[in-house]
């Protein structure tokens, strides 16, 4: 979990860096220039961030995949794929399905099949 949290933080920091380049600096009344704060950037992007966009796209693709006919190769590969070799020792990394389940828990979606 620590690595995932660290990765999200890195992505958010990079997003802020890019937004500061895009939106530029702010000129104060006394004529000095300063960089925009995180709160000002949040207002400019209407409180949307890249992590939430990725989660929304992942859930959207899950619904798209679920609606596909069973004979589609993509659906068979995603739902029925089994690794051919043994993974490294220790706790296994989160799979795509695990991320989907976690996103649904955070959004409190219980009967997602009915929603699509």
Protein backbone atom coordinates (compact mmCIF):
# COMPACT_ATOMS: atom_id res chain seq x y z
CA UNK A 1 0.00 0.00 0.00
CA UNK A 2 2.90 2.34 0.71
CA UNK A 3 4.22 2.12 -2.83
CA UNK A 4 0.80 2.85 -4.30
CA UNK A 5 0.32 5.85 -2.01
CA UNK A 6 3.81 7.09 -2.91
CA UNK A 7 3.07 6.68 -6.63
CA UNK A 8 -0.18 8.65 -6.30
CA UNK A 9 1.69 11.42 -4.51
CA UNK A 10 4.30 11.53 -7.28
CA UNK A 11 1.58 11.76 -9.93
CA UNK A 12 -0.18 14.57 -8.01
CA UNK A 13 3.10 16.49 -7.61
CA UNK A 14 3.80 16.15 -11.33
CA UNK A 15 0.25 17.28 -12.15
CA UNK A 16 0.69 20.41 -10.00
CA UNK A 17 4.01 21.15 -11.68
CA UNK A 18 2.41 20.93 -15.13
CA UNK A 19 -0.59 23.05 -14.06
CA UNK A 20 1.73 25.74 -12.70
CA UNK A 21 3.48 25.86 -16.08
CA UNK A 22 0.14 26.06 -17.92
CA UNK A 23 -1.53 28.69 -15.74
CA UNK A 24 1.61 30.70 -15.01
CA UNK A 25 2.22 33.10 -12.17
CA UNK A 26 -0.04 35.63 -10.46
CA UNK A 27 0.70 39.34 -10.32
CA UNK A 28 0.01 40.89 -6.94
CA UNK A 29 -1.36 44.42 -6.44
CA UNK A 30 2.07 45.70 -5.42
CA UNK A 31 3.53 44.51 -8.74
CA UNK A 32 5.32 41.39 -7.48
CA UNK A 33 4.85 37.99 -9.06
CA UNK A 34 4.20 34.71 -7.23
CA UNK A 35 3.37 31.12 -8.12
CA UNK A 36 -0.20 29.92 -7.71
CA UNK A 37 -1.06 27.98 -4.57
CA UNK A 38 -2.57 24.49 -4.61
CA UNK A 39 -5.95 25.95 -3.61
CA UNK A 40 -5.87 28.39 -6.55
CA UNK A 41 -4.99 25.54 -8.92
CA UNK A 42 -7.86 23.46 -7.51
CA UNK A 43 -10.27 26.31 -8.24
CA UNK A 44 -8.94 26.65 -11.79
CA UNK A 45 -9.38 22.95 -12.59
CA UNK A 46 -12.69 22.78 -10.67
CA UNK A 47 -11.37 20.26 -8.11
CA UNK A 48 -10.70 17.55 -10.71
CA UNK A 49 -7.41 15.70 -10.59
CA UNK A 50 -5.64 13.06 -12.65
CA UNK A 51 -6.05 10.26 -10.08
CA UNK A 52 -9.86 10.60 -10.08
CA UNK A 53 -9.84 10.74 -13.89
CA UNK A 54 -7.83 7.50 -14.05
CA UNK A 55 -10.26 5.79 -11.64
CA UNK A 56 -13.26 6.96 -13.66
CA UNK A 57 -11.72 5.70 -16.91
CA UNK A 58 -10.86 2.37 -15.30
CA UNK A 59 -14.46 1.91 -14.10
CA UNK A 60 -15.79 2.98 -17.48
CA UNK A 61 -13.62 0.41 -19.25
CA UNK A 62 -14.73 -2.27 -16.76
CA UNK A 63 -18.37 -1.59 -17.68
CA UNK A 64 -17.51 -1.64 -21.38
CA UNK A 65 -15.69 -4.95 -20.93
CA UNK A 66 -18.57 -6.45 -18.96
CA UNK A 67 -21.08 -5.57 -21.70
CA UNK A 68 -18.96 -7.29 -24.39
CA UNK A 69 -20.10 -10.67 -25.72
CA UNK A 70 -18.43 -13.66 -24.06
CA UNK A 71 -16.69 -14.77 -27.26
CA UNK A 72 -14.63 -11.56 -27.58
CA UNK A 73 -10.93 -12.28 -27.14
CA UNK A 74 -10.35 -9.21 -24.95
CA UNK A 75 -12.98 -10.31 -22.45
CA UNK A 76 -11.62 -13.86 -22.33
CA UNK A 77 -8.06 -12.61 -21.80
CA UNK A 78 -8.95 -10.20 -19.00
CA UNK A 79 -11.37 -12.40 -17.05
CA UNK A 80 -9.86 -15.85 -17.58
CA UNK A 81 -6.13 -15.13 -17.85
CA UNK A 82 -3.86 -17.24 -15.65
CA UNK A 83 -0.11 -16.61 -15.38
CA UNK A 84 2.09 -19.39 -16.75
CA UNK A 85 4.88 -18.94 -14.23
CA UNK A 86 5.13 -18.47 -10.51
CA UNK A 87 5.50 -14.89 -9.31
CA UNK A 88 8.07 -13.60 -6.85
CA UNK A 89 7.77 -14.34 -3.14
CA UNK A 90 5.89 -12.00 -0.85
CA UNK A 91 2.64 -10.16 -1.11
CA UNK A 92 1.28 -10.11 -4.68
CA UNK A 93 0.87 -6.77 -6.41
CA UNK A 94 -2.62 -5.38 -6.91
CA UNK A 95 -4.24 -6.62 -10.08
CA UNK A 96 -6.53 -4.59 -12.30
CA UNK A 97 -9.53 -6.37 -10.76
CA UNK A 98 -8.33 -5.47 -7.26
CA UNK A 99 -8.10 -1.80 -8.24
CA UNK A 100 -11.64 -1.95 -9.65
CA UNK A 101 -12.99 -3.50 -6.43
CA UNK A 102 -11.21 -0.87 -4.30
CA UNK A 103 -12.57 1.95 -6.47
CA UNK A 104 -16.10 0.56 -6.13
CA UNK A 105 -15.74 0.27 -2.35
CA UNK A 106 -14.56 3.88 -2.08
CA UNK A 107 -17.48 5.05 -4.23
CA UNK A 108 -19.88 2.77 -2.29
CA UNK A 109 -21.10 1.00 -5.44
CA UNK A 110 -22.66 -2.35 -4.47
CA UNK A 111 -24.84 -3.54 -7.36
CA UNK A 112 -22.70 -2.32 -10.22
CA UNK A 113 -24.08 -4.85 -12.71
CA UNK A 114 -27.52 -3.22 -12.36
CA UNK A 115 -25.96 0.20 -13.04
CA UNK A 116 -24.65 -0.83 -16.47
